[in-house]
C-alpha atoms as a PDB file:
ATOM      1  CA  VAL A   1     -14.278  12.967   6.718  1.00  0.00           C
ATOM      2  CA  THR A   2     -11.522  13.374   4.096  1.00  0.00           C
ATOM      3  CA  GLY A   3      -8.711  11.620   5.932  1.00  0.00           C
ATOM      4  CA  GLU A   4      -6.502  14.742   5.719  1.00  0.00           C
ATOM      5  CA  LEU A   5      -4.074  15.025   8.653  1.00  0.00           C
ATOM      6  CA  THR A   6      -2.978  18.440   9.859  1.00  0.00           C
ATOM      7  CA  GLY A   7      -0.972  19.809  12.747  1.00  0.00           C
ATOM      8  CA  ASP A   8       2.537  19.899  14.099  1.00  0.00           C
ATOM      9  CA  GLY A   9       4.536  16.819  13.262  1.00  0.00           C
ATOM     10  CA  VAL A  10       2.545  15.699  10.202  1.00  0.00           C
ATOM     11  CA  LYS A  11       4.955  14.801   7.400  1.00  0.00           C
ATOM     12  CA  VAL A  12       3.961  14.510   3.745  1.00  0.00           C
ATOM     13  CA  SER A  13       5.599  12.249   1.167  1.00  0.00           C
ATOM     14  CA  ARG A  14       4.809  11.626  -2.486  1.00  0.00           C
ATOM     15  CA  ARG A  15       5.417   8.625  -4.730  1.00  0.00           C
ATOM     16  CA  THR A  16       5.383   9.210  -8.488  1.00  0.00           C
ATOM     17  CA  ILE A  17       5.336   6.727 -11.363  1.00  0.00           C
ATOM     18  CA  ALA A  18       9.142   7.107 -11.490  1.00  0.00           C
ATOM     19  CA  GLY A  19       9.338   6.022  -7.846  1.00  0.00           C
ATOM     20  CA  LEU A  20       7.552   2.769  -8.645  1.00  0.00           C
ATOM     21  CA  ALA A  21      10.181   1.445 -11.058  1.00  0.00           C
ATOM     22  CA  GLY A  22      10.410  -2.321 -10.708  1.00  0.00           C
ATOM     23  CA  TYR A  23       7.038  -2.789  -9.003  1.00  0.00           C
ATOM     24  CA  PHE A  24       4.890  -3.499 -12.065  1.00  0.00           C
ATOM     25  CA  ARG A  25       4.883  -6.518 -14.360  1.00  0.00           C
ATOM     26  CA  ASP A  26       4.919  -4.295 -17.451  1.00  0.00           C
ATOM     27  CA  GLU A  27       8.006  -2.165 -16.784  1.00  0.00           C
ATOM     28  CA  ALA A  28       8.117  -0.895 -20.392  1.00  0.00           C
ATOM     29  CA  THR A  29       4.638   0.622 -20.051  1.00  0.00           C
ATOM     30  CA  ARG A  30       5.515   2.151 -16.660  1.00  0.00           C
ATOM     31  CA  ALA A  31       8.710   3.647 -18.136  1.00  0.00           C
ATOM     32  CA  ALA A  32       6.738   5.178 -21.049  1.00  0.00           C
ATOM     33  CA  MET A  33       4.296   6.949 -18.697  1.00  0.00           C
ATOM     34  CA  ASP A  34       4.681  10.505 -17.375  1.00  0.00           C
ATOM     35  CA  GLN A  35       7.328   9.884 -14.699  1.00  0.00           C
ATOM     36  CA  ASP A  36       6.167  12.892 -12.659  1.00  0.00           C
ATOM     37  CA  ARG A  37       2.585  11.609 -12.450  1.00  0.00           C
ATOM     38  CA  LEU A  38       1.511  11.204  -8.836  1.00  0.00           C
ATOM     39  CA  ALA A  39       0.726   7.601  -7.863  1.00  0.00           C
ATOM     40  CA  TYR A  40       0.067   8.304  -4.176  1.00  0.00           C
ATOM     41  CA  ARG A  41       0.796  10.653  -1.322  1.00  0.00           C
ATOM     42  CA  VAL A  42       1.012   9.946   2.381  1.00  0.00           C
ATOM     43  CA  GLN A  43       0.442  12.196   5.398  1.00  0.00           C
ATOM     44  CA  ALA A  44       2.031  10.599   8.476  1.00  0.00           C
ATOM     45  CA  TYR A  45       2.056  11.405  12.155  1.00  0.00           C
ATOM     46  CA  GLU A  46       4.680   9.510  14.168  1.00  0.00           C
ATOM     47  CA  PRO A  47       4.922  10.823  17.751  1.00  0.00           C
ATOM     48  CA  LYS A  48       8.022   8.673  18.379  1.00  0.00           C
ATOM     49  CA  PRO A  49      10.767   7.735  15.916  1.00  0.00           C
ATOM     50  CA  GLU A  50      10.443   4.447  14.041  1.00  0.00           C
ATOM     51  CA  GLY A  51      11.744   1.604  16.193  1.00  0.00           C
ATOM     52  CA  GLU A  52      11.205   3.407  19.515  1.00  0.00           C
ATOM     53  CA  PRO A  53       8.349   1.962  21.633  1.00  0.00           C
ATOM     54  CA  GLY A  54       5.623   3.931  23.353  1.00  0.00           C
ATOM     55  CA  ALA A  55       3.356   5.423  20.688  1.00  0.00           C
ATOM     56  CA  VAL A  56       0.753   4.651  18.061  1.00  0.00           C
ATOM     57  CA  CYS A  57       1.520   6.084  14.627  1.00  0.00           C
ATOM     58  CA  CYS A  58      -0.954   6.850  11.874  1.00  0.00           C
ATOM     59  CA  ALA A  59      -0.820   7.776   8.207  1.00  0.00           C
ATOM     60  CA  THR A  60      -3.384   8.600   5.553  1.00  0.00           C
ATOM     61  CA  THR A  61      -2.629   7.332   2.046  1.00  0.00           C
ATOM     62  CA  PHE A  62      -4.264   8.915  -1.002  1.00  0.00           C
ATOM     63  CA  LEU A  63      -3.806   6.356  -3.816  1.00  0.00           C
ATOM     64  CA  GLU A  64      -4.688   7.606  -7.296  1.00  0.00           C
ATOM     65  CA  PRO A  65      -6.751   5.576  -9.790  1.00  0.00           C
ATOM     66  CA  GLY A  66      -5.181   4.211 -12.944  1.00  0.00           C
ATOM     67  CA  LEU A  67      -3.468   1.323 -14.645  1.00  0.00           C
ATOM     68  CA  VAL A  68       0.056   0.420 -15.671  1.00  0.00           C
ATOM     69  CA  GLY A  69      -0.686  -1.982 -18.500  1.00  0.00           C
ATOM     70  CA  ASP A  70      -3.342  -4.240 -16.966  1.00  0.00           C
ATOM     71  CA  GLU A  71      -2.154  -3.693 -13.370  1.00  0.00           C
ATOM     72  CA  TYR A  72      -3.826  -1.246 -10.997  1.00  0.00           C
ATOM     73  CA  LEU A  73      -1.832   1.541  -9.347  1.00  0.00           C
ATOM     74  CA  LEU A  74      -0.493   0.315  -6.020  1.00  0.00           C
ATOM     75  CA  THR A  75       1.552   1.133  -2.956  1.00  0.00           C
ATOM     76  CA  ARG A  76       5.018  -0.404  -2.708  1.00  0.00           C
ATOM     77  CA  GLY A  77       4.115  -2.721   0.154  1.00  0.00           C
ATOM     78  CA  HIS A  78       6.215  -3.987   3.040  1.00  0.00           C
ATOM     79  CA  PHE A  79       6.697  -6.455   5.844  1.00  0.00           C
ATOM     80  CA  HIS A  80       7.245  -5.155   9.358  1.00  0.00           C
ATOM     81  CA  ALA A  81      10.783  -5.287  10.740  1.00  0.00           C
ATOM     82  CA  GLY A  82       9.198  -6.273  14.070  1.00  0.00           C
ATOM     83  CA  GLU A  83       7.728  -9.617  12.956  1.00  0.00           C
ATOM     84  CA  ASP A  84       5.264  -9.650  15.862  1.00  0.00           C
ATOM     85  CA  ARG A  85       3.698  -6.252  15.048  1.00  0.00           C
ATOM     86  CA  PRO A  86       0.223  -5.872  13.477  1.00  0.00           C
ATOM     87  CA  GLU A  87      -1.304  -2.946  11.607  1.00  0.00           C
ATOM     88  CA  LEU A  88      -4.836  -1.654  11.143  1.00  0.00           C
ATOM     89  CA  GLU A  89      -6.263  -0.127   7.937  1.00  0.00           C
ATOM     90  CA  VAL A  90      -9.486   1.944   7.862  1.00  0.00           C
ATOM     91  CA  THR A  91     -10.901   2.929   4.477  1.00  0.00           C
ATOM     92  CA  ILE A  92     -12.229   6.494   4.202  1.00  0.00           C
ATOM     93  CA  SER A  93     -13.318   6.564   0.526  1.00  0.00           C
ATOM     94  CA  GLY A  94     -12.854   4.845  -2.813  1.00  0.00           C
ATOM     95  CA  THR A  95     -12.491   1.148  -3.593  1.00  0.00           C
ATOM     96  CA  GLY A  96      -9.536  -1.162  -3.827  1.00  0.00           C
ATOM     97  CA  LEU A  97      -7.907  -4.320  -2.636  1.00  0.00           C
ATOM     98  CA  LEU A  98      -5.650  -4.819   0.367  1.00  0.00           C
ATOM     99  CA  VAL A  99      -3.173  -7.508  -0.699  1.00  0.00           C
ATOM    100  CA  LEU A 100      -1.782  -9.610   2.151  1.00  0.00           C
ATOM    101  CA  MET A 101       1.121 -12.078   1.854  1.00  0.00           C
ATOM    102  CA  THR A 102       2.707 -14.398   4.399  1.00  0.00           C
ATOM    103  CA  ARG A 103       6.457 -15.154   4.428  1.00  0.00           C
ATOM    104  CA  ASP A 104       5.762 -18.396   2.525  1.00  0.00           C
ATOM    105  CA  ARG A 105       4.116 -16.273  -0.247  1.00  0.00           C
ATOM    106  CA  GLN A 106       0.517 -17.281   0.483  1.00  0.00           C
ATOM    107  CA  THR A 107      -1.327 -14.252  -0.949  1.00  0.00           C
ATOM    108  CA  ARG A 108      -4.920 -13.118  -0.572  1.00  0.00           C
ATOM    109  CA  ALA A 109      -6.860  -9.864  -0.914  1.00  0.00           C
ATOM    110  CA  GLU A 110      -9.594  -8.057   0.995  1.00  0.00           C
ATOM    111  CA  LEU A 111     -12.031  -5.574  -0.562  1.00  0.00           C
ATOM    112  CA  MET A 112     -11.536  -2.019   0.672  1.00  0.00           C
ATOM    113  CA  ARG A 113     -14.472   0.409   0.561  1.00  0.00           C
ATOM    114  CA  ALA A 114     -15.655   3.356   2.658  1.00  0.00           C
ATOM    115  CA  GLY A 115     -15.923   2.273   6.284  1.00  0.00           C
ATOM    116  CA  SER A 116     -14.155  -1.072   5.916  1.00  0.00           C
ATOM    117  CA  VAL A 117     -11.630  -2.015   8.611  1.00  0.00           C
ATOM    118  CA  HIS A 118      -8.770  -4.442   7.997  1.00  0.00           C
ATOM    119  CA  HIS A 119      -6.380  -6.164  10.388  1.00  0.00           C
ATOM    120  CA  VAL A 120      -2.900  -6.895   9.028  1.00  0.00           C
ATOM    121  CA  PRO A 121      -1.632  -9.800  11.136  1.00  0.00           C
ATOM    122  CA  PRO A 122       1.962  -9.926  12.399  1.00  0.00           C
ATOM    123  CA  GLY A 123       4.420 -11.334   9.852  1.00  0.00           C
ATOM    124  CA  THR A 124       2.243 -10.334   6.891  1.00  0.00           C
ATOM    125  CA  ALA A 125       3.353  -8.132   4.005  1.00  0.00           C
ATOM    126  CA  HIS A 126       0.722  -5.730   2.751  1.00  0.00           C
ATOM    127  CA  ARG A 127       0.107  -3.361  -0.130  1.00  0.00           C
ATOM    128  CA  VAL A 128      -2.958  -1.676  -1.585  1.00  0.00           C
ATOM    129  CA  ALA A 129      -4.225  -1.433  -5.178  1.00  0.00           C
ATOM    130  CA  ASN A 130      -6.813   1.163  -6.249  1.00  0.00           C
ATOM    131  CA  THR A 131      -9.402  -0.657  -8.370  1.00  0.00           C
ATOM    132  CA  GLY A 132     -11.859   2.239  -8.621  1.00  0.00           C
ATOM    133  CA  GLY A 133     -12.175   5.449 -10.600  1.00  0.00           C
ATOM    134  CA  GLU A 134     -11.450   7.898  -7.781  1.00  0.00           C
ATOM    135  CA  PRO A 135      -8.654   8.201  -5.215  1.00  0.00           C
ATOM    136  CA  LEU A 136      -8.622   5.431  -2.607  1.00  0.00           C
ATOM    137  CA  VAL A 137      -8.129   6.999   0.817  1.00  0.00           C
ATOM    138  CA  PHE A 138      -7.258   4.923   3.870  1.00  0.00           C
ATOM    139  CA  VAL A 139      -5.708   5.454   7.299  1.00  0.00           C
ATOM    140  CA  SER A 140      -3.122   3.051   8.750  1.00  0.00           C
ATOM    141  CA  TYR A 141      -2.298   2.622  12.453  1.00  0.00           C
ATOM    142  CA  TRP A 142       0.771   0.795  13.852  1.00  0.00           C
ATOM    143  CA  PRO A 143       2.943   0.725  17.005  1.00  0.00           C
ATOM    144  CA  SER A 144       5.967   3.037  16.786  1.00  0.00           C
ATOM    145  CA  GLU A 145       8.429   0.187  17.477  1.00  0.00           C
ATOM    146  CA  THR A 146       7.244  -1.721  14.383  1.00  0.00           C
ATOM    147  CA  GLY A 147       9.775  -0.691  11.719  1.00  0.00           C
ATOM    148  CA  HIS A 148       9.351  -1.300   7.986  1.00  0.00           C
ATOM    149  CA  ASP A 149      11.018  -3.824   5.673  1.00  0.00           C
ATOM    150  CA  TYR A 150      10.573  -2.657   2.055  1.00  0.00           C
ATOM    151  CA  ARG A 151      13.700  -4.466   0.821  1.00  0.00           C
ATOM    152  CA  THR A 152      12.175  -7.948   0.846  1.00  0.00           C
ATOM    153  CA  ILE A 153       9.382  -6.786  -1.463  1.00  0.00           C
ATOM    154  CA  VAL A 154      11.857  -5.074  -3.809  1.00  0.00           C
ATOM    155  CA  GLU A 155      13.856  -8.298  -4.033  1.00  0.00           C
ATOM    156  CA  ARG A 156      11.049 -10.887  -4.155  1.00  0.00           C
ATOM    157  CA  GLY A 157       7.807  -9.066  -4.972  1.00  0.00           C
ATOM    158  CA  PHE A 158       4.393 -10.334  -3.953  1.00  0.00           C
ATOM    159  CA  GLY A 159       2.930 -13.776  -4.626  1.00  0.00           C
ATOM    160  CA  ALA A 160       0.120 -12.239  -6.723  1.00  0.00           C
ATOM    161  CA  ARG A 161      -0.727  -9.046  -8.595  1.00  0.00           C
ATOM    162  CA  VAL A 162      -4.005  -7.132  -8.906  1.00  0.00           C
ATOM    163  CA  ARG A 163      -4.683  -7.101 -12.643  1.00  0.00           C
ATOM    164  CA  ARG A 164      -7.624  -6.130 -14.792  1.00  0.00           C
ATOM    165  CA  VAL A 165      -8.889  -9.350 -16.396  1.00  0.00           C
ATOM    166  CA  ASP A 166     -11.930  -9.004 -18.700  1.00  0.00           C
ATOM    167  CA  GLY A 167     -12.618  -5.628 -17.061  1.00  0.00           C
ATOM    168  CA  VAL A 168     -12.599  -7.045 -13.515  1.00  0.00           C
ATOM    169  CA  PRO A 169      -9.956  -6.538 -10.792  1.00  0.00           C
ATOM    170  CA  THR A 170      -8.455  -9.992 -10.248  1.00  0.00           C
ATOM    171  CA  LEU A 171      -5.733 -11.264  -7.928  1.00  0.00           C
ATOM    172  CA  VAL A 172      -3.468 -13.183 -10.321  1.00  0.00           C
ATOM    173  CA  PRO A 173      -0.792 -15.489  -8.829  1.00  0.00           C
ATOM    174  CA  GLU A 174       2.832 -14.786  -9.774  1.00  0.00           C
ATOM    175  CA  PRO A 175       5.338 -17.546 -10.480  1.00  0.00           C
ATOM    176  CA  ASP A 176       7.953 -17.966  -7.728  1.00  0.00           C
END
């Protein structure tokens, strides 16, 4: 019901505002915020090491509400190292947008809300923005051989950002 994962092998990680340096358009505002403020935490269960085939991995992400300037708090986002590997997202609670981007920077978003299921196609970068007033909780599933490519996003970013425009969450295209 809550998305909490427990048991042997569950690993917990935390990402603070400090850990999101370079991900927001308004870096000065991000830098002025409490750097220890939690942006999101992840509970992951990976029965096989990343890159080794033979298992399905899962992780619950608890993404906090809030803004950095006019941009909603978000996860870092990534492509998969295994270009032919998909992922599945299931929303437990809260509201947000799943942002999907192809290698040629075509970017779109899908509304996440309790019970919604989302397929991340192979070769598609993905990140999540919390557009609501409570934590956005979702569970991700992927094959263990998938691997993660965060570097491309650090270097090139996404083709659009989820920004608050006239009080409404809006996917705003970014210049190349």
